[in-house]
PDB file of N, CA and C in Angstrom:
ATOM      1  N   MET A   1       0.849  -1.180   0.000  1.00  0.00           N
ATOM      2  CA  MET A   1       0.000   0.000   0.000  1.00  0.00           C
ATOM      3  C   MET A   1       0.894   1.243   0.000  1.00  0.00           C
ATOM      4  N   LYS A   2       0.541   2.189  -0.812  1.00  0.00           N
ATOM      5  CA  LYS A   2       1.277   3.442  -0.915  1.00  0.00           C
ATOM      6  C   LYS A   2       0.993   4.310   0.308  1.00  0.00           C
ATOM      7  N   LYS A   3       2.064   4.838   0.916  1.00  0.00           N
ATOM      8  CA  LYS A   3       1.900   5.707   2.086  1.00  0.00           C
ATOM      9  C   LYS A   3       1.685   7.138   1.614  1.00  0.00           C
ATOM     10  N   LEU A   4       0.575   7.736   2.034  1.00  0.00           N
ATOM     11  CA  LEU A   4       0.239   9.102   1.634  1.00  0.00           C
ATOM     12  C   LEU A   4       0.794  10.098   2.628  1.00  0.00           C
ATOM     13  N   ALA A   5       1.250  11.225   2.120  1.00  0.00           N
ATOM     14  CA  ALA A   5       1.800  12.270   2.976  1.00  0.00           C
ATOM     15  C   ALA A   5       0.718  13.186   3.535  1.00  0.00           C
ATOM     16  N   ILE A   6      -0.353  13.361   2.773  1.00  0.00           N
ATOM     17  CA  ILE A   6      -1.444  14.232   3.216  1.00  0.00           C
ATOM     18  C   ILE A   6      -2.782  13.582   2.863  1.00  0.00           C
ATOM     19  N   PRO A   7      -3.843  13.967   3.565  1.00  0.00           N
ATOM     20  CA  PRO A   7      -5.169  13.418   3.255  1.00  0.00           C
ATOM     21  C   PRO A   7      -5.648  13.841   1.866  1.00  0.00           C
ATOM     22  N   THR A   8      -6.400  12.956   1.225  1.00  0.00           N
ATOM     23  CA  THR A   8      -6.984  13.257  -0.078  1.00  0.00           C
ATOM     24  C   THR A   8      -8.499  13.094  -0.003  1.00  0.00           C
ATOM     25  N   SER A   9      -9.181  13.619  -0.981  1.00  0.00           N
ATOM     26  CA  SER A   9     -10.643  13.584  -0.987  1.00  0.00           C
ATOM     27  C   SER A   9     -11.199  12.179  -1.201  1.00  0.00           C
ATOM     28  N   GLU A  10     -10.398  11.273  -1.750  1.00  0.00           N
ATOM     29  CA  GLU A  10     -10.874   9.922  -2.033  1.00  0.00           C
ATOM     30  C   GLU A  10     -10.847   9.013  -0.804  1.00  0.00           C
ATOM     31  N   LEU A  11     -10.037   9.350   0.192  1.00  0.00           N
ATOM     32  CA  LEU A  11      -9.947   8.534   1.403  1.00  0.00           C
ATOM     33  C   LEU A  11     -11.239   8.619   2.199  1.00  0.00           C
ATOM     34  N   THR A  12     -11.532   7.559   2.933  1.00  0.00           N
ATOM     35  CA  THR A  12     -12.706   7.632   3.801  1.00  0.00           C
ATOM     36  C   THR A  12     -12.384   8.523   4.991  1.00  0.00           C
ATOM     37  N   VAL A  13     -13.425   9.042   5.581  1.00  0.00           N
ATOM     38  CA  VAL A  13     -13.279   9.892   6.760  1.00  0.00           C
ATOM     39  C   VAL A  13     -12.552   9.120   7.863  1.00  0.00           C
ATOM     40  N   GLU A  14     -12.943   7.868   8.068  1.00  0.00           N
ATOM     41  CA  GLU A  14     -12.305   7.047   9.097  1.00  0.00           C
ATOM     42  C   GLU A  14     -10.807   6.877   8.823  1.00  0.00           C
ATOM     43  N   GLU A  15     -10.455   6.619   7.573  1.00  0.00           N
ATOM     44  CA  GLU A  15      -9.051   6.435   7.197  1.00  0.00           C
ATOM     45  C   GLU A  15      -8.230   7.693   7.505  1.00  0.00           C
ATOM     46  N   VAL A  16      -8.788   8.848   7.197  1.00  0.00           N
ATOM     47  CA  VAL A  16      -8.089  10.113   7.464  1.00  0.00           C
ATOM     48  C   VAL A  16      -7.854  10.282   8.967  1.00  0.00           C
ATOM     49  N   MET A  17      -8.900  10.078   9.762  1.00  0.00           N
ATOM     50  CA  MET A  17      -8.765  10.268  11.210  1.00  0.00           C
ATOM     51  C   MET A  17      -7.859   9.209  11.841  1.00  0.00           C
ATOM     52  N   ARG A  18      -7.818   8.017  11.270  1.00  0.00           N
ATOM     53  CA  ARG A  18      -6.959   6.960  11.803  1.00  0.00           C
ATOM     54  C   ARG A  18      -5.492   7.210  11.451  1.00  0.00           C
ATOM     55  N   ARG A  19      -5.229   7.611  10.213  1.00  0.00           N
ATOM     56  CA  ARG A  19      -3.843   7.866   9.786  1.00  0.00           C
ATOM     57  C   ARG A  19      -3.261   9.133  10.397  1.00  0.00           C
ATOM     58  N   TRP A  20      -4.109  10.156  10.516  1.00  0.00           N
ATOM     59  CA  TRP A  20      -3.668  11.456  11.031  1.00  0.00           C
ATOM     60  C   TRP A  20      -4.611  11.882  12.148  1.00  0.00           C
ATOM     61  N   PRO A  21      -4.412  11.407  13.362  1.00  0.00           N
ATOM     62  CA  PRO A  21      -5.331  11.731  14.463  1.00  0.00           C
ATOM     63  C   PRO A  21      -5.518  13.232  14.693  1.00  0.00           C
ATOM     64  N   SER A  22      -4.532  14.027  14.344  1.00  0.00           N
ATOM     65  CA  SER A  22      -4.656  15.482  14.527  1.00  0.00           C
ATOM     66  C   SER A  22      -5.748  16.083  13.651  1.00  0.00           C
ATOM     67  N   THR A  23      -6.211  15.366  12.634  1.00  0.00           N
ATOM     68  CA  THR A  23      -7.266  15.895  11.757  1.00  0.00           C
ATOM     69  C   THR A  23      -8.644  15.850  12.411  1.00  0.00           C
ATOM     70  N   VAL A  24      -8.794  15.093  13.479  1.00  0.00           N
ATOM     71  CA  VAL A  24     -10.083  15.044  14.183  1.00  0.00           C
ATOM     72  C   VAL A  24     -10.519  16.456  14.562  1.00  0.00           C
ATOM     73  N   ARG A  25      -9.570  17.282  14.997  1.00  0.00           N
ATOM     74  CA  ARG A  25      -9.863  18.663  15.387  1.00  0.00           C
ATOM     75  C   ARG A  25     -10.469  19.435  14.223  1.00  0.00           C
ATOM     76  N   VAL A  26     -10.009  19.181  13.003  1.00  0.00           N
ATOM     77  CA  VAL A  26     -10.532  19.877  11.824  1.00  0.00           C
ATOM     78  C   VAL A  26     -11.997  19.502  11.596  1.00  0.00           C
ATOM     79  N   PHE A  27     -12.316  18.215  11.693  1.00  0.00           N
ATOM     80  CA  PHE A  27     -13.713  17.798  11.537  1.00  0.00           C
ATOM     81  C   PHE A  27     -14.593  18.482  12.584  1.00  0.00           C
ATOM     82  N   LEU A  28     -14.104  18.556  13.802  1.00  0.00           N
ATOM     83  CA  LEU A  28     -14.873  19.214  14.865  1.00  0.00           C
ATOM     84  C   LEU A  28     -15.006  20.715  14.617  1.00  0.00           C
ATOM     85  N   ASP A  29     -13.924  21.355  14.182  1.00  0.00           N
ATOM     86  CA  ASP A  29     -13.952  22.794  13.917  1.00  0.00           C
ATOM     87  C   ASP A  29     -14.967  23.143  12.822  1.00  0.00           C
ATOM     88  N   PHE A  30     -15.119  22.256  11.855  1.00  0.00           N
ATOM     89  CA  PHE A  30     -16.072  22.485  10.772  1.00  0.00           C
ATOM     90  C   PHE A  30     -17.478  22.016  11.138  1.00  0.00           C
ATOM     91  N   ARG A  31     -17.651  21.617  12.386  1.00  0.00           N
ATOM     92  CA  ARG A  31     -18.940  21.155  12.908  1.00  0.00           C
ATOM     93  C   ARG A  31     -19.513  19.988  12.108  1.00  0.00           C
ATOM     94  N   MET A  32     -18.598  19.111  11.711  1.00  0.00           N
ATOM     95  CA  MET A  32     -19.010  17.895  11.014  1.00  0.00           C
ATOM     96  C   MET A  32     -19.208  16.811  12.069  1.00  0.00           C
ATOM     97  N   ASN A  33     -20.271  16.081  11.958  1.00  0.00           N
ATOM     98  CA  ASN A  33     -20.591  15.045  12.937  1.00  0.00           C
ATOM     99  C   ASN A  33     -19.961  13.705  12.568  1.00  0.00           C
ATOM    100  N   CYS A  34     -18.805  13.751  11.939  1.00  0.00           N
ATOM    101  CA  CYS A  34     -18.150  12.540  11.433  1.00  0.00           C
ATOM    102  C   CYS A  34     -17.422  11.754  12.522  1.00  0.00           C
ATOM    103  N   VAL A  35     -16.980  12.424  13.555  1.00  0.00           N
ATOM    104  CA  VAL A  35     -16.229  11.758  14.613  1.00  0.00           C
ATOM    105  C   VAL A  35     -17.179  10.825  15.361  1.00  0.00           C
ATOM    106  N   GLY A  36     -16.901   9.521  15.280  1.00  0.00           N
ATOM    107  CA  GLY A  36     -17.753   8.535  15.929  1.00  0.00           C
ATOM    108  C   GLY A  36     -18.949   8.093  15.104  1.00  0.00           C
ATOM    109  N   CYS A  37     -19.124   8.653  13.932  1.00  0.00           N
ATOM    110  CA  CYS A  37     -20.263   8.295  13.085  1.00  0.00           C
ATOM    111  C   CYS A  37     -19.987   6.957  12.389  1.00  0.00           C
ATOM    112  N   PRO A  38     -20.952   6.032  12.408  1.00  0.00           N
ATOM    113  CA  PRO A  38     -20.727   4.735  11.752  1.00  0.00           C
ATOM    114  C   PRO A  38     -20.570   4.835  10.234  1.00  0.00           C
ATOM    115  N   ILE A  39     -21.033   5.921   9.645  1.00  0.00           N
ATOM    116  CA  ILE A  39     -20.916   6.111   8.188  1.00  0.00           C
ATOM    117  C   ILE A  39     -19.501   6.541   7.798  1.00  0.00           C
ATOM    118  N   SER A  40     -18.691   7.015   8.748  1.00  0.00           N
ATOM    119  CA  SER A  40     -17.337   7.481   8.434  1.00  0.00           C
ATOM    120  C   SER A  40     -16.481   6.385   7.813  1.00  0.00           C
ATOM    121  N   THR A  41     -16.858   5.131   8.029  1.00  0.00           N
ATOM    122  CA  THR A  41     -16.148   4.008   7.426  1.00  0.00           C
ATOM    123  C   THR A  41     -16.391   3.942   5.922  1.00  0.00           C
ATOM    124  N   PHE A  42     -17.511   4.483   5.484  1.00  0.00           N
ATOM    125  CA  PHE A  42     -17.911   4.377   4.084  1.00  0.00           C
ATOM    126  C   PHE A  42     -17.818   5.687   3.311  1.00  0.00           C
ATOM    127  N   HIS A  43     -17.999   6.826   3.994  1.00  0.00           N
ATOM    128  CA  HIS A  43     -17.979   8.136   3.324  1.00  0.00           C
ATOM    129  C   HIS A  43     -16.559   8.575   3.025  1.00  0.00           C
ATOM    130  N   SER A  44     -16.353   9.028   1.796  1.00  0.00           N
ATOM    131  CA  SER A  44     -15.079   9.666   1.468  1.00  0.00           C
ATOM    132  C   SER A  44     -15.119  11.093   2.022  1.00  0.00           C
ATOM    133  N   VAL A  45     -13.974  11.717   2.080  1.00  0.00           N
ATOM    134  CA  VAL A  45     -13.912  13.112   2.519  1.00  0.00           C
ATOM    135  C   VAL A  45     -14.745  13.971   1.573  1.00  0.00           C
ATOM    136  N   ASP A  46     -14.661  13.679   0.296  1.00  0.00           N
ATOM    137  CA  ASP A  46     -15.452  14.415  -0.698  1.00  0.00           C
ATOM    138  C   ASP A  46     -16.944  14.298  -0.402  1.00  0.00           C
ATOM    139  N   GLU A  47     -17.421  13.089  -0.144  1.00  0.00           N
ATOM    140  CA  GLU A  47     -18.840  12.872   0.151  1.00  0.00           C
ATOM    141  C   GLU A  47     -19.256  13.560   1.453  1.00  0.00           C
ATOM    142  N   ALA A  48     -18.389  13.504   2.457  1.00  0.00           N
ATOM    143  CA  ALA A  48     -18.708  14.146   3.738  1.00  0.00           C
ATOM    144  C   ALA A  48     -18.825  15.664   3.567  1.00  0.00           C
ATOM    145  N   CYS A  49     -17.909  16.255   2.809  1.00  0.00           N
ATOM    146  CA  CYS A  49     -17.978  17.699   2.569  1.00  0.00           C
ATOM    147  C   CYS A  49     -19.248  18.060   1.818  1.00  0.00           C
ATOM    148  N   SER A  50     -19.598  17.259   0.836  1.00  0.00           N
ATOM    149  CA  SER A  50     -20.828  17.497   0.077  1.00  0.00           C
ATOM    150  C   SER A  50     -22.052  17.398   0.987  1.00  0.00           C
ATOM    151  N   GLU A  51     -22.087  16.375   1.822  1.00  0.00           N
ATOM    152  CA  GLU A  51     -23.208  16.156   2.747  1.00  0.00           C
ATOM    153  C   GLU A  51     -23.365  17.309   3.737  1.00  0.00           C
ATOM    154  N   HIS A  52     -22.234  17.877   4.180  1.00  0.00           N
ATOM    155  CA  HIS A  52     -22.261  18.948   5.185  1.00  0.00           C
ATOM    156  C   HIS A  52     -22.164  20.350   4.570  1.00  0.00           C
ATOM    157  N   HIS A  53     -22.201  20.422   3.212  1.00  0.00           N
ATOM    158  CA  HIS A  53     -22.153  21.708   2.497  1.00  0.00           C
ATOM    159  C   HIS A  53     -20.889  22.500   2.851  1.00  0.00           C
ATOM    160  N   ILE A  54     -19.743  21.830   2.785  1.00  0.00           N
ATOM    161  CA  ILE A  54     -18.452  22.440   3.113  1.00  0.00           C
ATOM    162  C   ILE A  54     -17.588  22.460   1.864  1.00  0.00           C
ATOM    163  N   ASP A  55     -16.891  23.580   1.666  1.00  0.00           N
ATOM    164  CA  ASP A  55     -15.982  23.729   0.531  1.00  0.00           C
ATOM    165  C   ASP A  55     -14.865  22.693   0.639  1.00  0.00           C
ATOM    166  N   LEU A  56     -14.783  21.805  -0.354  1.00  0.00           N
ATOM    167  CA  LEU A  56     -13.825  20.701  -0.326  1.00  0.00           C
ATOM    168  C   LEU A  56     -12.388  21.188  -0.317  1.00  0.00           C
ATOM    169  N   GLU A  57     -12.049  22.129  -1.164  1.00  0.00           N
ATOM    170  CA  GLU A  57     -10.658  22.593  -1.259  1.00  0.00           C
ATOM    171  C   GLU A  57     -10.184  23.232   0.047  1.00  0.00           C
ATOM    172  N   GLY A  58     -11.028  24.064   0.641  1.00  0.00           N
ATOM    173  CA  GLY A  58     -10.682  24.687   1.917  1.00  0.00           C
ATOM    174  C   GLY A  58     -10.525  23.660   3.023  1.00  0.00           C
ATOM    175  N   PHE A  59     -11.416  22.673   3.019  1.00  0.00           N
ATOM    176  CA  PHE A  59     -11.352  21.621   4.030  1.00  0.00           C
ATOM    177  C   PHE A  59     -10.096  20.777   3.863  1.00  0.00           C
ATOM    178  N   LEU A  60      -9.775  20.397   2.621  1.00  0.00           N
ATOM    179  CA  LEU A  60      -8.561  19.622   2.374  1.00  0.00           C
ATOM    180  C   LEU A  60      -7.306  20.387   2.786  1.00  0.00           C
ATOM    181  N   SER A  61      -7.335  21.689   2.570  1.00  0.00           N
ATOM    182  CA  SER A  61      -6.199  22.522   2.981  1.00  0.00           C
ATOM    183  C   SER A  61      -5.991  22.455   4.490  1.00  0.00           C
ATOM    184  N   ARG A  62      -7.091  22.543   5.245  1.00  0.00           N
ATOM    185  CA  ARG A  62      -7.003  22.450   6.714  1.00  0.00           C
ATOM    186  C   ARG A  62      -6.575  21.057   7.164  1.00  0.00           C
ATOM    187  N   LEU A  63      -7.081  20.019   6.488  1.00  0.00           N
ATOM    188  CA  LEU A  63      -6.669  18.655   6.817  1.00  0.00           C
ATOM    189  C   LEU A  63      -5.169  18.473   6.587  1.00  0.00           C
ATOM    190  N   ALA A  64      -4.678  18.983   5.462  1.00  0.00           N
ATOM    191  CA  ALA A  64      -3.254  18.861   5.146  1.00  0.00           C
ATOM    192  C   ALA A  64      -2.403  19.578   6.184  1.00  0.00           C
ATOM    193  N   ALA A  65      -2.830  20.768   6.585  1.00  0.00           N
ATOM    194  CA  ALA A  65      -2.082  21.517   7.602  1.00  0.00           C
ATOM    195  C   ALA A  65      -2.048  20.751   8.916  1.00  0.00           C
ATOM    196  N   ALA A  66      -3.158  20.166   9.297  1.00  0.00           N
ATOM    197  CA  ALA A  66      -3.222  19.397  10.548  1.00  0.00           C
ATOM    198  C   ALA A  66      -2.376  18.128  10.461  1.00  0.00           C
ATOM    199  N   ALA A  67      -2.383  17.484   9.304  1.00  0.00           N
ATOM    200  CA  ALA A  67      -1.603  16.255   9.127  1.00  0.00           C
ATOM    201  C   ALA A  67      -0.102  16.531   9.155  1.00  0.00           C
ATOM    202  N   MET A  68       0.307  17.667   8.590  1.00  0.00           N
ATOM    203  CA  MET A  68       1.737  17.985   8.516  1.00  0.00           C
ATOM    204  C   MET A  68       2.279  18.565   9.805  1.00  0.00           C
ATOM    205  N   ASN A  69       1.422  19.206  10.606  1.00  0.00           N
ATOM    206  CA  ASN A  69       1.882  19.818  11.844  1.00  0.00           C
ATOM    207  C   ASN A  69       0.843  19.597  12.939  1.00  0.00           C
ATOM    208  N   PRO A  70       0.846  18.415  13.551  1.00  0.00           N
ATOM    209  CA  PRO A  70      -0.176  18.077  14.547  1.00  0.00           C
ATOM    210  C   PRO A  70      -0.259  19.037  15.731  1.00  0.00           C
ATOM    211  N   GLN A  71       0.857  19.636  16.149  1.00  0.00           N
ATOM    212  CA  GLN A  71       0.810  20.541  17.296  1.00  0.00           C
ATOM    213  C   GLN A  71      -0.001  21.788  16.991  1.00  0.00           C
ATOM    214  N   VAL A  72       0.109  22.313  15.798  1.00  0.00           N
ATOM    215  CA  VAL A  72      -0.681  23.487  15.408  1.00  0.00           C
ATOM    216  C   VAL A  72      -2.161  23.137  15.412  1.00  0.00           C
ATOM    217  N   ALA A  73      -2.497  21.955  14.913  1.00  0.00           N
ATOM    218  CA  ALA A  73      -3.900  21.536  14.877  1.00  0.00           C
ATOM    219  C   ALA A  73      -4.477  21.420  16.277  1.00  0.00           C
ATOM    220  N   ALA A  74      -3.678  20.931  17.204  1.00  0.00           N
ATOM    221  CA  ALA A  74      -4.168  20.715  18.565  1.00  0.00           C
ATOM    222  C   ALA A  74      -4.318  22.016  19.349  1.00  0.00           C
ATOM    223  N   THR A  75      -3.407  22.950  19.142  1.00  0.00           N
ATOM    224  CA  THR A  75      -3.406  24.168  19.957  1.00  0.00           C
ATOM    225  C   THR A  75      -3.962  25.382  19.226  1.00  0.00           C
ATOM    226  N   GLY A  76      -3.986  25.331  17.891  1.00  0.00           N
ATOM    227  CA  GLY A  76      -4.438  26.485  17.125  1.00  0.00           C
ATOM    228  C   GLY A  76      -3.353  27.535  16.958  1.00  0.00           C
ATOM    229  N   ARG A  77      -2.164  27.242  17.444  1.00  0.00           N
ATOM    230  CA  ARG A  77      -1.033  28.162  17.263  1.00  0.00           C
ATOM    231  C   ARG A  77       0.249  27.349  17.126  1.00  0.00           C
ATOM    232  N   GLU A  78       1.251  27.965  16.552  1.00  0.00           N
ATOM    233  CA  GLU A  78       2.464  27.223  16.248  1.00  0.00           C
ATOM    234  C   GLU A  78       3.349  26.997  17.461  1.00  0.00           C
ATOM    235  N   TRP A  79       3.418  27.932  18.388  1.00  0.00           N
ATOM    236  CA  TRP A  79       4.293  27.810  19.546  1.00  0.00           C
ATOM    237  C   TRP A  79       3.489  27.940  20.828  1.00  0.00           C
ATOM    238  N   PRO A  80       3.890  27.238  21.864  1.00  0.00           N
ATOM    239  CA  PRO A  80       3.174  27.381  23.141  1.00  0.00           C
ATOM    240  C   PRO A  80       3.304  28.800  23.680  1.00  0.00           C
ATOM    241  N   SER A  81       2.372  29.197  24.470  1.00  0.00           N
ATOM    242  CA  SER A  81       2.368  30.528  25.042  1.00  0.00           C
ATOM    243  C   SER A  81       3.565  30.724  25.963  1.00  0.00           C
ATOM    244  N   ALA A  82       4.150  31.913  25.913  1.00  0.00           N
ATOM    245  CA  ALA A  82       5.265  32.236  26.803  1.00  0.00           C
ATOM    246  C   ALA A  82       4.786  32.987  28.037  1.00  0.00           C
ATOM    247  N   SER A  83       3.490  33.213  28.127  1.00  0.00           N
ATOM    248  CA  SER A  83       2.987  33.948  29.283  1.00  0.00           C
ATOM    249  C   SER A  83       3.012  33.057  30.523  1.00  0.00           C
ATOM    250  N   PRO A  84       3.262  33.658  31.690  1.00  0.00           N
ATOM    251  CA  PRO A  84       3.323  32.852  32.916  1.00  0.00           C
ATOM    252  C   PRO A  84       1.954  32.304  33.285  1.00  0.00           C
ATOM    253  N   ASN A  85       1.964  31.186  33.966  1.00  0.00           N
ATOM    254  CA  ASN A  85       0.730  30.611  34.455  1.00  0.00           C
ATOM    255  C   ASN A  85       0.157  31.486  35.552  1.00  0.00           C
ATOM    256  N   SER A  86      -1.148  31.618  35.563  1.00  0.00           N
ATOM    257  CA  SER A  86      -1.751  32.380  36.647  1.00  0.00           C
ATOM    258  C   SER A  86      -2.103  31.404  37.755  1.00  0.00           C
ATOM    259  N   ALA A  87      -1.667  31.722  38.941  1.00  0.00           N
ATOM    260  CA  ALA A  87      -1.903  30.814  40.068  1.00  0.00           C
ATOM    261  C   ALA A  87      -2.893  31.398  41.025  1.00  0.00           C
TER     262      ALA A  87
END
């Protein structure tokens, strides 16, 4: 099997979330109910975007960013905050 560097529209939603766990945040940010959905095993990313009326190219761009840099996807920023903790 060929190893993919970034998610593609042909992959199933489940495959994307399994290969790149950091992409789960993107599905949630777009308010897609794909996380935990039994249909995610069968729906491609393209089909899920169509079903949820989401721009495919924009969504794929966010998925690729999350797959390439999981820390940014998790925190929403590239570097941790340098501000002191409030106690």
